[in-house]
Amino acid sequence: MRPVWFTFGIICVALGLIGVVLPLLPTVPFMLLAAFCFARSSERMHGWLVNHRVFGPAIEDWNRSGAISLTGKRAATASIAVVFSISVFMGLRPMILAIQAVTLGAVLIFIWTRPSY
């Protein structure tokens, strides 16, 4: 089972790295999932990810208390606003906009109800 967890971890890191440059793909949730997978497959990779200069602090905050940094919350909010604005300017059907608004609103509620550090 360890090779399966390791493979999922590598895939999640790859998706997270793509998310660094692609605004619609979240980075931190994939890195959290990668840390989870590596904890079950590779101590070395888990240690690397948890101690990573960029991704490590967000993983530690989440592991410690389910926290999301204030900077992360603001960045997520801004990207959600941009994505929804693009949908509005594209003239998507009202039903699609409503579904998107409810979904993105739920995501924002989740993000902003987490503690900050």
PDB file of N, CA and C in Angstrom:
ATOM      1  N   MET A   1       0.819  -1.198   0.000  1.00  0.00           N
ATOM      2  CA  MET A   1       0.000   0.000   0.000  1.00  0.00           C
ATOM      3  C   MET A   1       0.868   1.269   0.000  1.00  0.00           C
ATOM      4  N   ARG A   2       2.090   1.149   0.515  1.00  0.00           N
ATOM      5  CA  ARG A   2       2.976   2.314   0.557  1.00  0.00           C
ATOM      6  C   ARG A   2       3.256   2.899  -0.831  1.00  0.00           C
ATOM      7  N   PRO A   3       3.474   2.061  -1.852  1.00  0.00           N
ATOM      8  CA  PRO A   3       3.696   2.643  -3.189  1.00  0.00           C
ATOM      9  C   PRO A   3       2.483   3.424  -3.704  1.00  0.00           C
ATOM     10  N   VAL A   4       1.293   2.987  -3.351  1.00  0.00           N
ATOM     11  CA  VAL A   4       0.081   3.692  -3.780  1.00  0.00           C
ATOM     12  C   VAL A   4       0.010   5.061  -3.103  1.00  0.00           C
ATOM     13  N   TRP A   5       0.251   5.106  -1.788  1.00  0.00           N
ATOM     14  CA  TRP A   5       0.255   6.381  -1.066  1.00  0.00           C
ATOM     15  C   TRP A   5       1.340   7.306  -1.612  1.00  0.00           C
ATOM     16  N   PHE A   6       2.509   6.735  -1.899  1.00  0.00           N
ATOM     17  CA  PHE A   6       3.608   7.536  -2.433  1.00  0.00           C
ATOM     18  C   PHE A   6       3.235   8.133  -3.790  1.00  0.00           C
ATOM     19  N   THR A   7       2.633   7.326  -4.644  1.00  0.00           N
ATOM     20  CA  THR A   7       2.207   7.804  -5.976  1.00  0.00           C
ATOM     21  C   THR A   7       1.184   8.925  -5.841  1.00  0.00           C
ATOM     22  N   PHE A   8       0.199   8.742  -4.961  1.00  0.00           N
ATOM     23  CA  PHE A   8      -0.795   9.805  -4.737  1.00  0.00           C
ATOM     24  C   PHE A   8      -0.117  11.068  -4.211  1.00  0.00           C
ATOM     25  N   GLY A   9       0.874  10.904  -3.339  1.00  0.00           N
ATOM     26  CA  GLY A   9       1.602  12.053  -2.810  1.00  0.00           C
ATOM     27  C   GLY A   9       2.313  12.820  -3.908  1.00  0.00           C
ATOM     28  N   ILE A  10       2.982  12.107  -4.803  1.00  0.00           N
ATOM     29  CA  ILE A  10       3.685  12.750  -5.919  1.00  0.00           C
ATOM     30  C   ILE A  10       2.697  13.483  -6.828  1.00  0.00           C
ATOM     31  N   ILE A  11       1.568  12.848  -7.106  1.00  0.00           N
ATOM     32  CA  ILE A  11       0.540  13.474  -7.944  1.00  0.00           C
ATOM     33  C   ILE A  11       0.027  14.755  -7.282  1.00  0.00           C
ATOM     34  N   CYS A  12      -0.197  14.710  -5.974  1.00  0.00           N
ATOM     35  CA  CYS A  12      -0.687  15.897  -5.263  1.00  0.00           C
ATOM     36  C   CYS A  12       0.341  17.018  -5.266  1.00  0.00           C
ATOM     37  N   VAL A  13       1.622  16.679  -5.094  1.00  0.00           N
ATOM     38  CA  VAL A  13       2.663  17.708  -5.169  1.00  0.00           C
ATOM     39  C   VAL A  13       2.677  18.326  -6.557  1.00  0.00           C
ATOM     40  N   ALA A  14       2.576  17.504  -7.590  1.00  0.00           N
ATOM     41  CA  ALA A  14       2.560  18.022  -8.962  1.00  0.00           C
ATOM     42  C   ALA A  14       1.375  18.952  -9.184  1.00  0.00           C
ATOM     43  N   LEU A  15       0.198  18.550  -8.722  1.00  0.00           N
ATOM     44  CA  LEU A  15      -0.992  19.403  -8.872  1.00  0.00           C
ATOM     45  C   LEU A  15      -0.840  20.693  -8.070  1.00  0.00           C
ATOM     46  N   GLY A  16      -0.256  20.587  -6.888  1.00  0.00           N
ATOM     47  CA  GLY A  16      -0.015  21.784  -6.083  1.00  0.00           C
ATOM     48  C   GLY A  16       0.946  22.734  -6.754  1.00  0.00           C
ATOM     49  N   LEU A  17       1.993  22.193  -7.377  1.00  0.00           N
ATOM     50  CA  LEU A  17       2.949  23.050  -8.083  1.00  0.00           C
ATOM     51  C   LEU A  17       2.308  23.706  -9.302  1.00  0.00           C
ATOM     52  N   ILE A  18       1.445  22.983  -9.980  1.00  0.00           N
ATOM     53  CA  ILE A  18       0.704  23.581 -11.097  1.00  0.00           C
ATOM     54  C   ILE A  18      -0.180  24.705 -10.570  1.00  0.00           C
ATOM     55  N   GLY A  19      -0.759  24.489  -9.380  1.00  0.00           N
ATOM     56  CA  GLY A  19      -1.625  25.491  -8.770  1.00  0.00           C
ATOM     57  C   GLY A  19      -0.909  26.777  -8.393  1.00  0.00           C
ATOM     58  N   VAL A  20       0.408  26.721  -8.255  1.00  0.00           N
ATOM     59  CA  VAL A  20       1.164  27.938  -7.959  1.00  0.00           C
ATOM     60  C   VAL A  20       1.024  28.943  -9.088  1.00  0.00           C
ATOM     61  N   VAL A  21       0.986  28.462 -10.322  1.00  0.00           N
ATOM     62  CA  VAL A  21       0.906  29.363 -11.476  1.00  0.00           C
ATOM     63  C   VAL A  21      -0.484  29.413 -12.110  1.00  0.00           C
ATOM     64  N   LEU A  22      -1.344  28.476 -11.780  1.00  0.00           N
ATOM     65  CA  LEU A  22      -2.693  28.433 -12.342  1.00  0.00           C
ATOM     66  C   LEU A  22      -3.689  28.835 -11.255  1.00  0.00           C
ATOM     67  N   PRO A  23      -4.294  30.008 -11.346  1.00  0.00           N
ATOM     68  CA  PRO A  23      -5.104  30.526 -10.241  1.00  0.00           C
ATOM     69  C   PRO A  23      -6.347  29.703  -9.901  1.00  0.00           C
ATOM     70  N   LEU A  24      -6.834  28.899 -10.808  1.00  0.00           N
ATOM     71  CA  LEU A  24      -8.042  28.127 -10.522  1.00  0.00           C
ATOM     72  C   LEU A  24      -7.761  26.850  -9.739  1.00  0.00           C
ATOM     73  N   LEU A  25      -6.515  26.470  -9.627  1.00  0.00           N
ATOM     74  CA  LEU A  25      -6.145  25.230  -8.948  1.00  0.00           C
ATOM     75  C   LEU A  25      -5.496  25.576  -7.612  1.00  0.00           C
ATOM     76  N   PRO A  26      -6.101  25.153  -6.492  1.00  0.00           N
ATOM     77  CA  PRO A  26      -5.544  25.529  -5.190  1.00  0.00           C
ATOM     78  C   PRO A  26      -4.252  24.766  -4.883  1.00  0.00           C
ATOM     79  N   THR A  27      -3.286  25.452  -4.296  1.00  0.00           N
ATOM     80  CA  THR A  27      -2.000  24.834  -3.993  1.00  0.00           C
ATOM     81  C   THR A  27      -2.008  24.142  -2.639  1.00  0.00           C
ATOM     82  N   VAL A  28      -2.392  24.861  -1.595  1.00  0.00           N
ATOM     83  CA  VAL A  28      -2.256  24.348  -0.232  1.00  0.00           C
ATOM     84  C   VAL A  28      -3.065  23.067   0.011  1.00  0.00           C
ATOM     85  N   PRO A  29      -4.329  22.967  -0.446  1.00  0.00           N
ATOM     86  CA  PRO A  29      -5.035  21.700  -0.203  1.00  0.00           C
ATOM     87  C   PRO A  29      -4.318  20.494  -0.819  1.00  0.00           C
ATOM     88  N   PHE A  30      -3.705  20.672  -1.975  1.00  0.00           N
ATOM     89  CA  PHE A  30      -2.965  19.564  -2.578  1.00  0.00           C
ATOM     90  C   PHE A  30      -1.708  19.244  -1.779  1.00  0.00           C
ATOM     91  N   MET A  31      -1.068  20.260  -1.230  1.00  0.00           N
ATOM     92  CA  MET A  31       0.123  20.019  -0.410  1.00  0.00           C
ATOM     93  C   MET A  31      -0.262  19.349   0.910  1.00  0.00           C
ATOM     94  N   LEU A  32      -1.407  19.719   1.471  1.00  0.00           N
ATOM     95  CA  LEU A  32      -1.894  19.043   2.673  1.00  0.00           C
ATOM     96  C   LEU A  32      -2.174  17.567   2.390  1.00  0.00           C
ATOM     97  N   LEU A  33      -2.801  17.315   1.263  1.00  0.00           N
ATOM     98  CA  LEU A  33      -3.085  15.938   0.871  1.00  0.00           C
ATOM     99  C   LEU A  33      -1.794  15.170   0.599  1.00  0.00           C
ATOM    100  N   ALA A  34      -0.815  15.833  -0.007  1.00  0.00           N
ATOM    101  CA  ALA A  34       0.483  15.195  -0.249  1.00  0.00           C
ATOM    102  C   ALA A  34       1.162  14.839   1.070  1.00  0.00           C
ATOM    103  N   ALA A  35       1.110  15.740   2.048  1.00  0.00           N
ATOM    104  CA  ALA A  35       1.701  15.454   3.358  1.00  0.00           C
ATOM    105  C   ALA A  35       1.013  14.252   4.001  1.00  0.00           C
ATOM    106  N   PHE A  36      -0.297  14.182   3.873  1.00  0.00           N
ATOM    107  CA  PHE A  36      -1.054  13.044   4.390  1.00  0.00           C
ATOM    108  C   PHE A  36      -0.585  11.740   3.728  1.00  0.00           C
ATOM    109  N   CYS A  37      -0.453  11.770   2.412  1.00  0.00           N
ATOM    110  CA  CYS A  37      -0.022  10.571   1.674  1.00  0.00           C
ATOM    111  C   CYS A  37       1.408  10.182   2.023  1.00  0.00           C
ATOM    112  N   PHE A  38       2.303  11.170   2.108  1.00  0.00           N
ATOM    113  CA  PHE A  38       3.698  10.873   2.424  1.00  0.00           C
ATOM    114  C   PHE A  38       3.859  10.385   3.859  1.00  0.00           C
ATOM    115  N   ALA A  39       3.001  10.824   4.773  1.00  0.00           N
ATOM    116  CA  ALA A  39       3.067  10.339   6.154  1.00  0.00           C
ATOM    117  C   ALA A  39       2.809   8.840   6.209  1.00  0.00           C
ATOM    118  N   ARG A  40       2.120   8.320   5.212  1.00  0.00           N
ATOM    119  CA  ARG A  40       1.813   6.890   5.160  1.00  0.00           C
ATOM    120  C   ARG A  40       2.747   6.108   4.250  1.00  0.00           C
ATOM    121  N   SER A  41       3.668   6.812   3.584  1.00  0.00           N
ATOM    122  CA  SER A  41       4.498   6.102   2.614  1.00  0.00           C
ATOM    123  C   SER A  41       5.985   6.389   2.721  1.00  0.00           C
ATOM    124  N   SER A  42       6.368   7.613   3.029  1.00  0.00           N
ATOM    125  CA  SER A  42       7.784   7.976   2.975  1.00  0.00           C
ATOM    126  C   SER A  42       8.102   9.043   4.017  1.00  0.00           C
ATOM    127  N   GLU A  43       8.834   8.647   5.062  1.00  0.00           N
ATOM    128  CA  GLU A  43       9.229   9.616   6.088  1.00  0.00           C
ATOM    129  C   GLU A  43      10.088  10.722   5.481  1.00  0.00           C
ATOM    130  N   ARG A  44      10.929  10.357   4.553  1.00  0.00           N
ATOM    131  CA  ARG A  44      11.827  11.333   3.925  1.00  0.00           C
ATOM    132  C   ARG A  44      11.032  12.410   3.169  1.00  0.00           C
ATOM    133  N   MET A  45      10.083  11.989   2.333  1.00  0.00           N
ATOM    134  CA  MET A  45       9.279  12.953   1.567  1.00  0.00           C
ATOM    135  C   MET A  45       8.374  13.763   2.497  1.00  0.00           C
ATOM    136  N   HIS A  46       7.820  13.120   3.515  1.00  0.00           N
ATOM    137  CA  HIS A  46       6.972  13.832   4.471  1.00  0.00           C
ATOM    138  C   HIS A  46       7.785  14.915   5.180  1.00  0.00           C
ATOM    139  N   GLY A  47       8.983  14.552   5.638  1.00  0.00           N
ATOM    140  CA  GLY A  47       9.854  15.527   6.286  1.00  0.00           C
ATOM    141  C   GLY A  47      10.226  16.674   5.366  1.00  0.00           C
ATOM    142  N   TRP A  48      10.525  16.343   4.113  1.00  0.00           N
ATOM    143  CA  TRP A  48      10.864  17.375   3.137  1.00  0.00           C
ATOM    144  C   TRP A  48       9.718  18.363   2.967  1.00  0.00           C
ATOM    145  N   LEU A  49       8.496  17.829   2.823  1.00  0.00           N
ATOM    146  CA  LEU A  49       7.346  18.696   2.564  1.00  0.00           C
ATOM    147  C   LEU A  49       6.989  19.528   3.793  1.00  0.00           C
ATOM    148  N   VAL A  50       6.974  18.907   4.964  1.00  0.00           N
ATOM    149  CA  VAL A  50       6.614  19.614   6.192  1.00  0.00           C
ATOM    150  C   VAL A  50       7.654  20.687   6.534  1.00  0.00           C
ATOM    151  N   ASN A  51       8.899  20.449   6.191  1.00  0.00           N
ATOM    152  CA  ASN A  51       9.962  21.416   6.481  1.00  0.00           C
ATOM    153  C   ASN A  51      10.277  22.339   5.305  1.00  0.00           C
ATOM    154  N   HIS A  52       9.489  22.248   4.250  1.00  0.00           N
ATOM    155  CA  HIS A  52       9.711  23.081   3.069  1.00  0.00           C
ATOM    156  C   HIS A  52       9.556  24.562   3.437  1.00  0.00           C
ATOM    157  N   ARG A  53      10.422  25.383   2.903  1.00  0.00           N
ATOM    158  CA  ARG A  53      10.435  26.820   3.216  1.00  0.00           C
ATOM    159  C   ARG A  53       9.115  27.499   2.857  1.00  0.00           C
ATOM    160  N   VAL A  54       8.511  27.136   1.744  1.00  0.00           N
ATOM    161  CA  VAL A  54       7.289  27.794   1.277  1.00  0.00           C
ATOM    162  C   VAL A  54       6.030  27.073   1.760  1.00  0.00           C
ATOM    163  N   PHE A  55       5.978  25.768   1.576  1.00  0.00           N
ATOM    164  CA  PHE A  55       4.759  25.015   1.872  1.00  0.00           C
ATOM    165  C   PHE A  55       4.666  24.537   3.318  1.00  0.00           C
ATOM    166  N   GLY A  56       5.789  24.387   3.984  1.00  0.00           N
ATOM    167  CA  GLY A  56       5.821  23.854   5.339  1.00  0.00           C
ATOM    168  C   GLY A  56       4.995  24.620   6.362  1.00  0.00           C
ATOM    169  N   PRO A  57       5.106  25.959   6.424  1.00  0.00           N
ATOM    170  CA  PRO A  57       4.342  26.690   7.438  1.00  0.00           C
ATOM    171  C   PRO A  57       2.823  26.501   7.323  1.00  0.00           C
ATOM    172  N   ALA A  58       2.299  26.479   6.115  1.00  0.00           N
ATOM    173  CA  ALA A  58       0.851  26.285   5.940  1.00  0.00           C
ATOM    174  C   ALA A  58       0.439  24.893   6.403  1.00  0.00           C
ATOM    175  N   ILE A  59       1.274  23.897   6.126  1.00  0.00           N
ATOM    176  CA  ILE A  59       0.974  22.525   6.556  1.00  0.00           C
ATOM    177  C   ILE A  59       1.019  22.432   8.068  1.00  0.00           C
ATOM    178  N   GLU A  60       2.020  23.031   8.687  1.00  0.00           N
ATOM    179  CA  GLU A  60       2.133  23.005  10.149  1.00  0.00           C
ATOM    180  C   GLU A  60       0.973  23.725  10.822  1.00  0.00           C
ATOM    181  N   ASP A  61       0.593  24.896  10.286  1.00  0.00           N
ATOM    182  CA  ASP A  61      -0.556  25.625  10.847  1.00  0.00           C
ATOM    183  C   ASP A  61      -1.814  24.770  10.800  1.00  0.00           C
ATOM    184  N   TRP A  62      -2.026  24.103   9.659  1.00  0.00           N
ATOM    185  CA  TRP A  62      -3.221  23.271   9.514  1.00  0.00           C
ATOM    186  C   TRP A  62      -3.162  22.073  10.454  1.00  0.00           C
ATOM    187  N   ASN A  63      -2.008  21.415  10.542  1.00  0.00           N
ATOM    188  CA  ASN A  63      -1.870  20.243  11.418  1.00  0.00           C
ATOM    189  C   ASN A  63      -2.040  20.619  12.884  1.00  0.00           C
ATOM    190  N   ARG A  64      -1.534  21.779  13.264  1.00  0.00           N
ATOM    191  CA  ARG A  64      -1.580  22.198  14.655  1.00  0.00           C
ATOM    192  C   ARG A  64      -2.997  22.568  15.087  1.00  0.00           C
ATOM    193  N   SER A  65      -3.708  23.340  14.260  1.00  0.00           N
ATOM    194  CA  SER A  65      -5.000  23.832  14.737  1.00  0.00           C
ATOM    195  C   SER A  65      -6.031  24.082  13.640  1.00  0.00           C
ATOM    196  N   GLY A  66      -5.793  23.577  12.441  1.00  0.00           N
ATOM    197  CA  GLY A  66      -6.740  23.821  11.354  1.00  0.00           C
ATOM    198  C   GLY A  66      -6.736  25.272  10.911  1.00  0.00           C
ATOM    199  N   ALA A  67      -5.594  25.945  11.093  1.00  0.00           N
ATOM    200  CA  ALA A  67      -5.514  27.381  10.810  1.00  0.00           C
ATOM    201  C   ALA A  67      -5.117  27.649   9.369  1.00  0.00           C
ATOM    202  N   ILE A  68      -5.590  28.779   8.869  1.00  0.00           N
ATOM    203  CA  ILE A  68      -5.211  29.295   7.554  1.00  0.00           C
ATOM    204  C   ILE A  68      -4.709  30.713   7.791  1.00  0.00           C
ATOM    205  N   SER A  69      -3.554  31.034   7.236  1.00  0.00           N
ATOM    206  CA  SER A  69      -2.981  32.367   7.458  1.00  0.00           C
ATOM    207  C   SER A  69      -3.893  33.448   6.894  1.00  0.00           C
ATOM    208  N   LEU A  70      -3.800  34.626   7.482  1.00  0.00           N
ATOM    209  CA  LEU A  70      -4.597  35.746   7.008  1.00  0.00           C
ATOM    210  C   LEU A  70      -4.239  36.089   5.563  1.00  0.00           C
ATOM    211  N   THR A  71      -2.965  35.979   5.227  1.00  0.00           N
ATOM    212  CA  THR A  71      -2.535  36.214   3.847  1.00  0.00           C
ATOM    213  C   THR A  71      -3.178  35.200   2.910  1.00  0.00           C
ATOM    214  N   GLY A  72      -3.218  33.947   3.327  1.00  0.00           N
ATOM    215  CA  GLY A  72      -3.852  32.900   2.524  1.00  0.00           C
ATOM    216  C   GLY A  72      -5.338  33.140   2.342  1.00  0.00           C
ATOM    217  N   LYS A  73      -5.986  33.584   3.415  1.00  0.00           N
ATOM    218  CA  LYS A  73      -7.419  33.883   3.326  1.00  0.00           C
ATOM    219  C   LYS A  73      -7.685  35.015   2.343  1.00  0.00           C
ATOM    220  N   ARG A  74      -6.869  36.031   2.423  1.00  0.00           N
ATOM    221  CA  ARG A  74      -7.043  37.177   1.516  1.00  0.00           C
ATOM    222  C   ARG A  74      -6.779  36.778   0.064  1.00  0.00           C
ATOM    223  N   ALA A  75      -5.732  35.982  -0.152  1.00  0.00           N
ATOM    224  CA  ALA A  75      -5.417  35.537  -1.516  1.00  0.00           C
ATOM    225  C   ALA A  75      -6.540  34.667  -2.071  1.00  0.00           C
ATOM    226  N   ALA A  76      -7.074  33.773  -1.243  1.00  0.00           N
ATOM    227  CA  ALA A  76      -8.174  32.912  -1.688  1.00  0.00           C
ATOM    228  C   ALA A  76      -9.409  33.749  -2.010  1.00  0.00           C
ATOM    229  N   THR A  77      -9.704  34.715  -1.175  1.00  0.00           N
ATOM    230  CA  THR A  77     -10.859  35.583  -1.405  1.00  0.00           C
ATOM    231  C   THR A  77     -10.703  36.372  -2.696  1.00  0.00           C
ATOM    232  N   ALA A  78      -9.510  36.909  -2.912  1.00  0.00           N
ATOM    233  CA  ALA A  78      -9.263  37.675  -4.140  1.00  0.00           C
ATOM    234  C   ALA A  78      -9.392  36.792  -5.375  1.00  0.00           C
ATOM    235  N   SER A  79      -8.835  35.596  -5.330  1.00  0.00           N
ATOM    236  CA  SER A  79      -8.916  34.725  -6.507  1.00  0.00           C
ATOM    237  C   SER A  79     -10.352  34.270  -6.759  1.00  0.00           C
ATOM    238  N   ILE A  80     -11.112  34.045  -5.700  1.00  0.00           N
ATOM    239  CA  ILE A  80     -12.524  33.677  -5.867  1.00  0.00           C
ATOM    240  C   ILE A  80     -13.293  34.845  -6.495  1.00  0.00           C
ATOM    241  N   ALA A  81     -13.009  36.055  -6.049  1.00  0.00           N
ATOM    242  CA  ALA A  81     -13.679  37.228  -6.626  1.00  0.00           C
ATOM    243  C   ALA A  81     -13.330  37.389  -8.100  1.00  0.00           C
ATOM    244  N   VAL A  82     -12.075  37.161  -8.448  1.00  0.00           N
ATOM    245  CA  VAL A  82     -11.650  37.271  -9.852  1.00  0.00           C
ATOM    246  C   VAL A  82     -12.345  36.215 -10.703  1.00  0.00           C
ATOM    247  N   VAL A  83     -12.357  34.985 -10.215  1.00  0.00           N
ATOM    248  CA  VAL A  83     -12.985  33.888 -10.975  1.00  0.00           C
ATOM    249  C   VAL A  83     -14.472  34.161 -11.184  1.00  0.00           C
ATOM    250  N   PHE A  84     -15.160  34.604 -10.132  1.00  0.00           N
ATOM    251  CA  PHE A  84     -16.596  34.875 -10.278  1.00  0.00           C
ATOM    252  C   PHE A  84     -16.829  36.067 -11.204  1.00  0.00           C
ATOM    253  N   SER A  85     -15.980  37.076 -11.113  1.00  0.00           N
ATOM    254  CA  SER A  85     -16.110  38.240 -12.001  1.00  0.00           C
ATOM    255  C   SER A  85     -15.938  37.844 -13.460  1.00  0.00           C
ATOM    256  N   ILE A  86     -14.985  36.969 -13.725  1.00  0.00           N
ATOM    257  CA  ILE A  86     -14.781  36.481 -15.092  1.00  0.00           C
ATOM    258  C   ILE A  86     -16.039  35.773 -15.588  1.00  0.00           C
ATOM    259  N   SER A  87     -16.648  34.978 -14.722  1.00  0.00           N
ATOM    260  CA  SER A  87     -17.874  34.272 -15.109  1.00  0.00           C
ATOM    261  C   SER A  87     -18.992  35.243 -15.437  1.00  0.00           C
ATOM    262  N   VAL A  88     -19.102  36.299 -14.628  1.00  0.00           N
ATOM    263  CA  VAL A  88     -20.146  37.303 -14.871  1.00  0.00           C
ATOM    264  C   VAL A  88     -19.887  38.018 -16.198  1.00  0.00           C
ATOM    265  N   PHE A  89     -18.635  38.449 -16.421  1.00  0.00           N
ATOM    266  CA  PHE A  89     -18.299  39.165 -17.659  1.00  0.00           C
ATOM    267  C   PHE A  89     -18.431  38.290 -18.893  1.00  0.00           C
ATOM    268  N   MET A  90     -18.292  36.967 -18.718  1.00  0.00           N
ATOM    269  CA  MET A  90     -18.463  36.050 -19.844  1.00  0.00           C
ATOM    270  C   MET A  90     -19.935  35.874 -20.198  1.00  0.00           C
ATOM    271  N   GLY A  91     -20.808  36.340 -19.312  1.00  0.00           N
ATOM    272  CA  GLY A  91     -22.239  36.254 -19.579  1.00  0.00           C
ATOM    273  C   GLY A  91     -22.799  34.855 -19.424  1.00  0.00           C
ATOM    274  N   LEU A  92     -22.287  34.119 -18.456  1.00  0.00           N
ATOM    275  CA  LEU A  92     -22.822  32.774 -18.226  1.00  0.00           C
ATOM    276  C   LEU A  92     -24.281  32.842 -17.791  1.00  0.00           C
ATOM    277  N   ARG A  93     -24.982  31.758 -18.021  1.00  0.00           N
ATOM    278  CA  ARG A  93     -26.403  31.699 -17.668  1.00  0.00           C
ATOM    279  C   ARG A  93     -26.592  31.938 -16.172  1.00  0.00           C
ATOM    280  N   PRO A  94     -27.689  32.577 -15.789  1.00  0.00           N
ATOM    281  CA  PRO A  94     -27.938  32.876 -14.375  1.00  0.00           C
ATOM    282  C   PRO A  94     -27.912  31.641 -13.466  1.00  0.00           C
ATOM    283  N   MET A  95     -28.393  30.512 -13.957  1.00  0.00           N
ATOM    284  CA  MET A  95     -28.391  29.301 -13.134  1.00  0.00           C
ATOM    285  C   MET A  95     -26.953  28.858 -12.824  1.00  0.00           C
ATOM    286  N   ILE A  96     -26.089  28.941 -13.806  1.00  0.00           N
ATOM    287  CA  ILE A  96     -24.683  28.578 -13.593  1.00  0.00           C
ATOM    288  C   ILE A  96     -24.036  29.553 -12.612  1.00  0.00           C
ATOM    289  N   LEU A  97     -24.328  30.845 -12.772  1.00  0.00           N
ATOM    290  CA  LEU A  97     -23.789  31.839 -11.847  1.00  0.00           C
ATOM    291  C   LEU A  97     -24.298  31.608 -10.426  1.00  0.00           C
ATOM    292  N   ALA A  98     -25.550  31.234 -10.297  1.00  0.00           N
ATOM    293  CA  ALA A  98     -26.117  30.973  -8.969  1.00  0.00           C
ATOM    294  C   ALA A  98     -25.423  29.776  -8.311  1.00  0.00           C
ATOM    295  N   ILE A  99     -25.241  28.706  -9.070  1.00  0.00           N
ATOM    296  CA  ILE A  99     -24.553  27.524  -8.536  1.00  0.00           C
ATOM    297  C   ILE A  99     -23.124  27.887  -8.139  1.00  0.00           C
ATOM    298  N   GLN A 100     -22.464  28.640  -8.993  1.00  0.00           N
ATOM    299  CA  GLN A 100     -21.094  29.059  -8.713  1.00  0.00           C
ATOM    300  C   GLN A 100     -21.057  29.953  -7.470  1.00  0.00           C
ATOM    301  N   ALA A 101     -22.000  30.871  -7.352  1.00  0.00           N
ATOM    302  CA  ALA A 101     -22.031  31.783  -6.209  1.00  0.00           C
ATOM    303  C   ALA A 101     -22.240  31.022  -4.900  1.00  0.00           C
ATOM    304  N   VAL A 102     -23.138  30.064  -4.902  1.00  0.00           N
ATOM    305  CA  VAL A 102     -23.389  29.276  -3.690  1.00  0.00           C
ATOM    306  C   VAL A 102     -22.153  28.463  -3.320  1.00  0.00           C
ATOM    307  N   THR A 103     -21.550  27.822  -4.302  1.00  0.00           N
ATOM    308  CA  THR A 103     -20.362  27.001  -4.047  1.00  0.00           C
ATOM    309  C   THR A 103     -19.200  27.850  -3.545  1.00  0.00           C
ATOM    310  N   LEU A 104     -18.917  28.927  -4.240  1.00  0.00           N
ATOM    311  CA  LEU A 104     -17.809  29.792  -3.834  1.00  0.00           C
ATOM    312  C   LEU A 104     -18.098  30.467  -2.499  1.00  0.00           C
ATOM    313  N   GLY A 105     -19.357  30.793  -2.251  1.00  0.00           N
ATOM    314  CA  GLY A 105     -19.731  31.353  -0.952  1.00  0.00           C
ATOM    315  C   GLY A 105     -19.479  30.369   0.179  1.00  0.00           C
ATOM    316  N   ALA A 106     -19.804  29.093  -0.054  1.00  0.00           N
ATOM    317  CA  ALA A 106     -19.544  28.061   0.956  1.00  0.00           C
ATOM    318  C   ALA A 106     -18.044  27.908   1.210  1.00  0.00           C
ATOM    319  N   VAL A 107     -17.263  27.984   0.153  1.00  0.00           N
ATOM    320  CA  VAL A 107     -15.806  27.908   0.298  1.00  0.00           C
ATOM    321  C   VAL A 107     -15.299  29.086   1.127  1.00  0.00           C
ATOM    322  N   LEU A 108     -15.793  30.276   0.847  1.00  0.00           N
ATOM    323  CA  LEU A 108     -15.374  31.453   1.614  1.00  0.00           C
ATOM    324  C   LEU A 108     -15.778  31.356   3.077  1.00  0.00           C
ATOM    325  N   ILE A 109     -16.965  30.855   3.334  1.00  0.00           N
ATOM    326  CA  ILE A 109     -17.393  30.667   4.728  1.00  0.00           C
ATOM    327  C   ILE A 109     -16.453  29.704   5.431  1.00  0.00           C
ATOM    328  N   PHE A 110     -16.118  28.595   4.776  1.00  0.00           N
ATOM    329  CA  PHE A 110     -15.192  27.640   5.377  1.00  0.00           C
ATOM    330  C   PHE A 110     -13.840  28.295   5.665  1.00  0.00           C
ATOM    331  N   ILE A 111     -13.300  29.001   4.678  1.00  0.00           N
ATOM    332  CA  ILE A 111     -11.984  29.621   4.829  1.00  0.00           C
ATOM    333  C   ILE A 111     -11.986  30.635   5.970  1.00  0.00           C
ATOM    334  N   TRP A 112     -12.972  31.514   6.004  1.00  0.00           N
ATOM    335  CA  TRP A 112     -12.964  32.596   6.982  1.00  0.00           C
ATOM    336  C   TRP A 112     -13.397  32.162   8.383  1.00  0.00           C
ATOM    337  N   THR A 113     -13.932  30.946   8.545  1.00  0.00           N
ATOM    338  CA  THR A 113     -14.262  30.456   9.881  1.00  0.00           C
ATOM    339  C   THR A 113     -13.119  29.652  10.500  1.00  0.00           C
ATOM    340  N   ARG A 114     -12.043  29.425   9.755  1.00  0.00           N
ATOM    341  CA  ARG A 114     -10.859  28.771  10.319  1.00  0.00           C
ATOM    342  C   ARG A 114     -10.052  29.799  11.103  1.00  0.00           C
ATOM    343  N   PRO A 115      -9.332  29.356  12.132  1.00  0.00           N
ATOM    344  CA  PRO A 115      -8.473  30.299  12.863  1.00  0.00           C
ATOM    345  C   PRO A 115      -7.341  30.813  11.977  1.00  0.00           C
ATOM    346  N   SER A 116      -6.779  31.965  12.359  1.00  0.00           N
ATOM    347  CA  SER A 116      -5.655  32.561  11.627  1.00  0.00           C
ATOM    348  C   SER A 116      -4.431  32.649  12.527  1.00  0.00           C
ATOM    349  N   TYR A 117      -3.265  32.558  11.886  1.00  0.00           N
ATOM    350  CA  TYR A 117      -2.006  32.763  12.627  1.00  0.00           C
ATOM    351  C   TYR A 117      -1.101  33.629  11.824  1.00  0.00           C
TER     352      TYR A 117
END
